[in-house]
């Protein structure tokens, strides 16, 4: 009973939040020091797809997951997929990679930080948590429609205490529409700028 109270104490929550921040900062530092930061760009991802679609998709998904943990914007991955595969296959590849990335972020952050955001923020935060608890799938879905795979959102949801099943379902239902719209936009932009595109697009 005493151990359970200790886990819910503000000090314990602060330690878990510090653990999350420390691990994410370490990942970011390794990404920079090893030179991966300079290598991961739309052209590199495009070339990976061009060499081999299956291995390219696996590399794309792995880098998307890593990128989400170290705050890389998702548009880098979407533009690369659309340029290499066309708007629809590129959009589908991005949807699959984004979904995997959200799952990886959830379990990585939840494993370190638990539900450490609970108890912070006063009444305003309490109302948000009450809404999340009452309508978890709908809440996650709406957040995905607005913010897609925004790294800060993934981290906040992982630390919010929302159940994984609700998080996953809301994510799977909320991502397709914005990804499809962005895919069409980037494809149209590429055509306007006369970038080379696959005939299947």
C-alpha atoms as a PDB file:
ATOM      1  CA  UNK A   1       0.000   0.000   0.000  1.00  0.00           C
ATOM      2  CA  UNK A   2       2.862   2.348   0.923  1.00  0.00           C
ATOM      3  CA  UNK A   3       4.680   1.488  -2.316  1.00  0.00           C
ATOM      4  CA  UNK A   4       1.556   2.297  -4.336  1.00  0.00           C
ATOM      5  CA  UNK A   5       1.246   5.691  -2.608  1.00  0.00           C
ATOM      6  CA  UNK A   6       4.902   6.363  -3.361  1.00  0.00           C
ATOM      7  CA  UNK A   7       4.347   5.626  -7.058  1.00  0.00           C
ATOM      8  CA  UNK A   8       1.539   8.193  -7.147  1.00  0.00           C
ATOM      9  CA  UNK A   9       3.521  10.856  -5.287  1.00  0.00           C
ATOM     10  CA  UNK A  10       4.549  14.076  -7.086  1.00  0.00           C
ATOM     11  CA  UNK A  11       8.226  13.231  -6.516  1.00  0.00           C
ATOM     12  CA  UNK A  12       7.856   9.839  -8.200  1.00  0.00           C
ATOM     13  CA  UNK A  13       6.027  11.412 -11.148  1.00  0.00           C
ATOM     14  CA  UNK A  14       8.730  14.053 -11.496  1.00  0.00           C
ATOM     15  CA  UNK A  15      11.399  11.357 -11.553  1.00  0.00           C
ATOM     16  CA  UNK A  16       9.563   9.459 -14.281  1.00  0.00           C
ATOM     17  CA  UNK A  17       9.136  12.603 -16.362  1.00  0.00           C
ATOM     18  CA  UNK A  18      12.821  13.347 -15.933  1.00  0.00           C
ATOM     19  CA  UNK A  19      13.583   9.817 -17.091  1.00  0.00           C
ATOM     20  CA  UNK A  20      11.550  10.330 -20.276  1.00  0.00           C
ATOM     21  CA  UNK A  21      13.230  13.660 -21.018  1.00  0.00           C
ATOM     22  CA  UNK A  22      16.681  12.178 -20.372  1.00  0.00           C
ATOM     23  CA  UNK A  23      16.164   9.202 -22.701  1.00  0.00           C
ATOM     24  CA  UNK A  24      14.730  11.361 -25.493  1.00  0.00           C
ATOM     25  CA  UNK A  25      17.595  13.837 -25.116  1.00  0.00           C
ATOM     26  CA  UNK A  26      20.108  10.972 -25.286  1.00  0.00           C
ATOM     27  CA  UNK A  27      18.503   9.628 -28.469  1.00  0.00           C
ATOM     28  CA  UNK A  28      18.601  13.080 -29.999  1.00  0.00           C
ATOM     29  CA  UNK A  29      22.283  13.496 -29.063  1.00  0.00           C
ATOM     30  CA  UNK A  30      23.213  10.105 -30.556  1.00  0.00           C
ATOM     31  CA  UNK A  31      21.287  10.990 -33.715  1.00  0.00           C
ATOM     32  CA  UNK A  32      23.283  14.212 -34.042  1.00  0.00           C
ATOM     33  CA  UNK A  33      26.713  12.900 -33.053  1.00  0.00           C
ATOM     34  CA  UNK A  34      26.572   9.878 -35.369  1.00  0.00           C
ATOM     35  CA  UNK A  35      25.746  12.079 -38.346  1.00  0.00           C
ATOM     36  CA  UNK A  36      22.348  10.487 -38.968  1.00  0.00           C
ATOM     37  CA  UNK A  37      20.770  13.936 -38.720  1.00  0.00           C
ATOM     38  CA  UNK A  38      22.523  15.012 -41.914  1.00  0.00           C
ATOM     39  CA  UNK A  39      21.687  11.787 -43.751  1.00  0.00           C
ATOM     40  CA  UNK A  40      17.961  11.532 -43.053  1.00  0.00           C
ATOM     41  CA  UNK A  41      16.230  13.712 -45.605  1.00  0.00           C
ATOM     42  CA  UNK A  42      13.553  13.188 -48.279  1.00  0.00           C
ATOM     43  CA  UNK A  43      16.166  12.337 -50.936  1.00  0.00           C
ATOM     44  CA  UNK A  44      17.775   9.585 -48.845  1.00  0.00           C
ATOM     45  CA  UNK A  45      14.395   8.047 -48.055  1.00  0.00           C
ATOM     46  CA  UNK A  46      13.367   8.336 -51.700  1.00  0.00           C
ATOM     47  CA  UNK A  47      16.556   6.537 -52.776  1.00  0.00           C
ATOM     48  CA  UNK A  48      15.901   3.757 -50.238  1.00  0.00           C
ATOM     49  CA  UNK A  49      12.521   3.130 -51.853  1.00  0.00           C
ATOM     50  CA  UNK A  50      14.040   3.221 -55.308  1.00  0.00           C
ATOM     51  CA  UNK A  51      16.630   0.545 -54.455  1.00  0.00           C
ATOM     52  CA  UNK A  52      14.146  -1.934 -53.046  1.00  0.00           C
ATOM     53  CA  UNK A  53      10.540  -1.382 -52.062  1.00  0.00           C
ATOM     54  CA  UNK A  54      10.378  -3.883 -49.180  1.00  0.00           C
ATOM     55  CA  UNK A  55      13.678  -3.018 -47.502  1.00  0.00           C
ATOM     56  CA  UNK A  56      12.986   0.638 -48.259  1.00  0.00           C
ATOM     57  CA  UNK A  57       9.650   0.407 -46.455  1.00  0.00           C
ATOM     58  CA  UNK A  58      11.285  -1.267 -43.452  1.00  0.00           C
ATOM     59  CA  UNK A  59      13.993   1.422 -43.282  1.00  0.00           C
ATOM     60  CA  UNK A  60      11.349   4.112 -43.784  1.00  0.00           C
ATOM     61  CA  UNK A  61       9.277   2.731 -40.902  1.00  0.00           C
ATOM     62  CA  UNK A  62      12.265   2.390 -38.570  1.00  0.00           C
ATOM     63  CA  UNK A  63      13.431   5.931 -39.278  1.00  0.00           C
ATOM     64  CA  UNK A  64       9.876   7.266 -38.896  1.00  0.00           C
ATOM     65  CA  UNK A  65       9.697   5.650 -35.441  1.00  0.00           C
ATOM     66  CA  UNK A  66      13.099   7.036 -34.458  1.00  0.00           C
ATOM     67  CA  UNK A  67      12.250  10.418 -35.919  1.00  0.00           C
ATOM     68  CA  UNK A  68       9.062  10.596 -33.895  1.00  0.00           C
ATOM     69  CA  UNK A  69      11.017  10.006 -30.701  1.00  0.00           C
ATOM     70  CA  UNK A  70      13.530  12.758 -31.474  1.00  0.00           C
ATOM     71  CA  UNK A  71      10.988  15.299 -32.772  1.00  0.00           C
ATOM     72  CA  UNK A  72      11.573  15.044 -36.538  1.00  0.00           C
ATOM     73  CA  UNK A  73       8.599  16.418 -38.500  1.00  0.00           C
ATOM     74  CA  UNK A  74       6.494  13.812 -40.288  1.00  0.00           C
ATOM     75  CA  UNK A  75       6.368  15.766 -43.567  1.00  0.00           C
ATOM     76  CA  UNK A  76       9.965  14.688 -44.294  1.00  0.00           C
ATOM     77  CA  UNK A  77       8.805  11.081 -44.497  1.00  0.00           C
ATOM     78  CA  UNK A  78       5.556  11.783 -46.303  1.00  0.00           C
ATOM     79  CA  UNK A  79       7.183  13.812 -49.069  1.00  0.00           C
ATOM     80  CA  UNK A  80       9.791  11.096 -49.605  1.00  0.00           C
ATOM     81  CA  UNK A  81       7.146   8.379 -49.837  1.00  0.00           C
ATOM     82  CA  UNK A  82       4.956  10.388 -52.217  1.00  0.00           C
ATOM     83  CA  UNK A  83       7.942  11.267 -54.435  1.00  0.00           C
ATOM     84  CA  UNK A  84       9.045   7.624 -54.617  1.00  0.00           C
ATOM     85  CA  UNK A  85       5.707   5.815 -54.718  1.00  0.00           C
ATOM     86  CA  UNK A  86       3.098   8.328 -55.843  1.00  0.00           C
ATOM     87  CA  UNK A  87       0.357   9.937 -53.832  1.00  0.00           C
ATOM     88  CA  UNK A  88      -1.710   6.857 -53.019  1.00  0.00           C
ATOM     89  CA  UNK A  89       0.962   4.198 -52.431  1.00  0.00           C
ATOM     90  CA  UNK A  90       3.120   6.838 -50.765  1.00  0.00           C
ATOM     91  CA  UNK A  91       0.215   7.808 -48.550  1.00  0.00           C
ATOM     92  CA  UNK A  92      -0.406   4.161 -47.636  1.00  0.00           C
ATOM     93  CA  UNK A  93       3.282   3.612 -46.812  1.00  0.00           C
ATOM     94  CA  UNK A  94       3.216   6.712 -44.629  1.00  0.00           C
ATOM     95  CA  UNK A  95       0.044   5.549 -42.873  1.00  0.00           C
ATOM     96  CA  UNK A  96       1.600   2.170 -42.050  1.00  0.00           C
ATOM     97  CA  UNK A  97       4.889   3.707 -40.903  1.00  0.00           C
ATOM     98  CA  UNK A  98       3.136   6.426 -38.904  1.00  0.00           C
ATOM     99  CA  UNK A  99       0.938   3.876 -37.124  1.00  0.00           C
ATOM    100  CA  UNK A 100       3.956   1.744 -36.190  1.00  0.00           C
ATOM    101  CA  UNK A 101       5.797   4.880 -35.084  1.00  0.00           C
ATOM    102  CA  UNK A 102       2.937   5.891 -32.788  1.00  0.00           C
ATOM    103  CA  UNK A 103       2.912   2.418 -31.213  1.00  0.00           C
ATOM    104  CA  UNK A 104       6.687   2.459 -30.687  1.00  0.00           C
ATOM    105  CA  UNK A 105       6.527   5.906 -29.094  1.00  0.00           C
ATOM    106  CA  UNK A 106       3.638   4.876 -26.847  1.00  0.00           C
ATOM    107  CA  UNK A 107       5.353   1.816 -25.394  1.00  0.00           C
ATOM    108  CA  UNK A 108       8.788   3.454 -25.177  1.00  0.00           C
ATOM    109  CA  UNK A 109       7.490   6.474 -23.303  1.00  0.00           C
ATOM    110  CA  UNK A 110       4.885   4.598 -21.249  1.00  0.00           C
ATOM    111  CA  UNK A 111       7.516   2.079 -20.146  1.00  0.00           C
ATOM    112  CA  UNK A 112       9.680   4.852 -18.719  1.00  0.00           C
ATOM    113  CA  UNK A 113       7.167   7.477 -17.662  1.00  0.00           C
ATOM    114  CA  UNK A 114       3.987   5.550 -16.881  1.00  0.00           C
ATOM    115  CA  UNK A 115       1.080   7.957 -16.454  1.00  0.00           C
ATOM    116  CA  UNK A 116       3.321  10.680 -15.046  1.00  0.00           C
ATOM    117  CA  UNK A 117       1.226  13.556 -16.433  1.00  0.00           C
ATOM    118  CA  UNK A 118      -1.659  12.661 -14.127  1.00  0.00           C
ATOM    119  CA  UNK A 119      -1.851  15.048 -11.230  1.00  0.00           C
ATOM    120  CA  UNK A 120      -0.190  17.972 -13.009  1.00  0.00           C
ATOM    121  CA  UNK A 121      -1.815  21.115 -14.370  1.00  0.00           C
ATOM    122  CA  UNK A 122      -4.598  21.840 -11.921  1.00  0.00           C
ATOM    123  CA  UNK A 123      -8.283  22.003 -12.809  1.00  0.00           C
ATOM    124  CA  UNK A 124      -7.804  22.608 -16.519  1.00  0.00           C
ATOM    125  CA  UNK A 125      -5.718  19.467 -16.896  1.00  0.00           C
ATOM    126  CA  UNK A 126      -8.157  17.549 -14.705  1.00  0.00           C
ATOM    127  CA  UNK A 127     -10.997  18.430 -17.107  1.00  0.00           C
ATOM    128  CA  UNK A 128      -8.914  17.289 -20.083  1.00  0.00           C
ATOM    129  CA  UNK A 129      -8.134  13.989 -18.370  1.00  0.00           C
ATOM    130  CA  UNK A 130     -11.810  13.543 -17.478  1.00  0.00           C
ATOM    131  CA  UNK A 131     -12.722  14.034 -21.139  1.00  0.00           C
ATOM    132  CA  UNK A 132     -10.020  11.594 -22.204  1.00  0.00           C
ATOM    133  CA  UNK A 133     -11.215   9.015 -19.694  1.00  0.00           C
ATOM    134  CA  UNK A 134     -14.867   9.390 -20.700  1.00  0.00           C
ATOM    135  CA  UNK A 135     -14.281   9.292 -24.485  1.00  0.00           C
ATOM    136  CA  UNK A 136     -10.770   7.929 -25.094  1.00  0.00           C
ATOM    137  CA  UNK A 137     -11.122   6.727 -28.698  1.00  0.00           C
ATOM    138  CA  UNK A 138     -12.994   9.847 -29.811  1.00  0.00           C
ATOM    139  CA  UNK A 139     -10.465  12.098 -28.059  1.00  0.00           C
ATOM    140  CA  UNK A 140      -7.457  10.407 -29.662  1.00  0.00           C
ATOM    141  CA  UNK A 141      -9.173  10.402 -33.066  1.00  0.00           C
ATOM    142  CA  UNK A 142      -9.848  14.146 -32.920  1.00  0.00           C
ATOM    143  CA  UNK A 143      -6.300  14.857 -31.790  1.00  0.00           C
ATOM    144  CA  UNK A 144      -4.952  12.800 -34.702  1.00  0.00           C
ATOM    145  CA  UNK A 145      -7.136  14.702 -37.152  1.00  0.00           C
ATOM    146  CA  UNK A 146      -5.716  17.985 -35.856  1.00  0.00           C
ATOM    147  CA  UNK A 147      -2.099  17.104 -35.081  1.00  0.00           C
ATOM    148  CA  UNK A 148      -1.440  13.739 -36.824  1.00  0.00           C
ATOM    149  CA  UNK A 149       1.812  12.215 -35.507  1.00  0.00           C
ATOM    150  CA  UNK A 150       3.095  15.338 -33.773  1.00  0.00           C
ATOM    151  CA  UNK A 151       5.815  13.961 -31.456  1.00  0.00           C
ATOM    152  CA  UNK A 152       4.710  16.069 -28.482  1.00  0.00           C
ATOM    153  CA  UNK A 153       1.177  14.675 -28.831  1.00  0.00           C
ATOM    154  CA  UNK A 154       2.410  11.084 -28.880  1.00  0.00           C
ATOM    155  CA  UNK A 155       4.471  11.663 -25.759  1.00  0.00           C
ATOM    156  CA  UNK A 156       1.623  13.414 -23.945  1.00  0.00           C
ATOM    157  CA  UNK A 157      -0.846  10.647 -24.779  1.00  0.00           C
ATOM    158  CA  UNK A 158       1.613   7.961 -23.670  1.00  0.00           C
ATOM    159  CA  UNK A 159       2.022   9.727 -20.327  1.00  0.00           C
ATOM    160  CA  UNK A 160      -1.700  10.438 -19.922  1.00  0.00           C
ATOM    161  CA  UNK A 161      -2.694   6.980 -18.742  1.00  0.00           C
ATOM    162  CA  UNK A 162      -4.987   6.316 -21.732  1.00  0.00           C
ATOM    163  CA  UNK A 163      -5.348   2.595 -22.451  1.00  0.00           C
ATOM    164  CA  UNK A 164      -3.317   1.283 -25.370  1.00  0.00           C
ATOM    165  CA  UNK A 165      -6.365  -0.186 -27.143  1.00  0.00           C
ATOM    166  CA  UNK A 166      -8.104   3.196 -27.176  1.00  0.00           C
ATOM    167  CA  UNK A 167      -4.899   4.935 -28.236  1.00  0.00           C
ATOM    168  CA  UNK A 168      -4.357   2.493 -31.102  1.00  0.00           C
ATOM    169  CA  UNK A 169      -7.946   2.574 -32.371  1.00  0.00           C
ATOM    170  CA  UNK A 170      -8.124   6.370 -32.223  1.00  0.00           C
ATOM    171  CA  UNK A 171      -4.812   6.570 -34.053  1.00  0.00           C
ATOM    172  CA  UNK A 172      -5.785   4.113 -36.791  1.00  0.00           C
ATOM    173  CA  UNK A 173      -9.078   5.922 -37.380  1.00  0.00           C
ATOM    174  CA  UNK A 174      -7.716   9.450 -37.128  1.00  0.00           C
ATOM    175  CA  UNK A 175      -4.638   9.284 -39.368  1.00  0.00           C
ATOM    176  CA  UNK A 176      -6.016   8.257 -42.811  1.00  0.00           C
ATOM    177  CA  UNK A 177      -7.829  11.488 -43.699  1.00  0.00           C
ATOM    178  CA  UNK A 178      -5.045  13.992 -42.937  1.00  0.00           C
ATOM    179  CA  UNK A 179      -2.402  11.742 -44.512  1.00  0.00           C
ATOM    180  CA  UNK A 180      -4.512  11.409 -47.671  1.00  0.00           C
ATOM    181  CA  UNK A 181      -4.994  15.179 -47.858  1.00  0.00           C
ATOM    182  CA  UNK A 182      -1.299  15.871 -47.340  1.00  0.00           C
ATOM    183  CA  UNK A 183      -0.408  13.231 -49.940  1.00  0.00           C
ATOM    184  CA  UNK A 184      -2.604  14.928 -52.536  1.00  0.00           C
ATOM    185  CA  UNK A 185      -1.144  18.318 -51.606  1.00  0.00           C
ATOM    186  CA  UNK A 186       2.495  17.198 -51.820  1.00  0.00           C
ATOM    187  CA  UNK A 187       1.848  15.362 -55.081  1.00  0.00           C
ATOM    188  CA  UNK A 188       0.237  18.465 -56.593  1.00  0.00           C
ATOM    189  CA  UNK A 189       3.106  20.613 -55.306  1.00  0.00           C
ATOM    190  CA  UNK A 190       5.668  18.227 -56.813  1.00  0.00           C
ATOM    191  CA  UNK A 191       3.935  18.376 -60.195  1.00  0.00           C
ATOM    192  CA  UNK A 192       3.775  22.153 -60.036  1.00  0.00           C
ATOM    193  CA  UNK A 193       7.512  22.318 -59.246  1.00  0.00           C
ATOM    194  CA  UNK A 194       8.223  19.710 -61.985  1.00  0.00           C
ATOM    195  CA  UNK A 195       9.775  17.204 -59.608  1.00  0.00           C
ATOM    196  CA  UNK A 196      10.115  13.684 -61.048  1.00  0.00           C
ATOM    197  CA  UNK A 197       7.225  11.465 -59.946  1.00  0.00           C
ATOM    198  CA  UNK A 198       6.404   7.802 -60.531  1.00  0.00           C
ATOM    199  CA  UNK A 199       3.922   7.174 -63.301  1.00  0.00           C
ATOM    200  CA  UNK A 200       1.696   5.257 -60.875  1.00  0.00           C
ATOM    201  CA  UNK A 201       1.055   8.443 -58.889  1.00  0.00           C
END
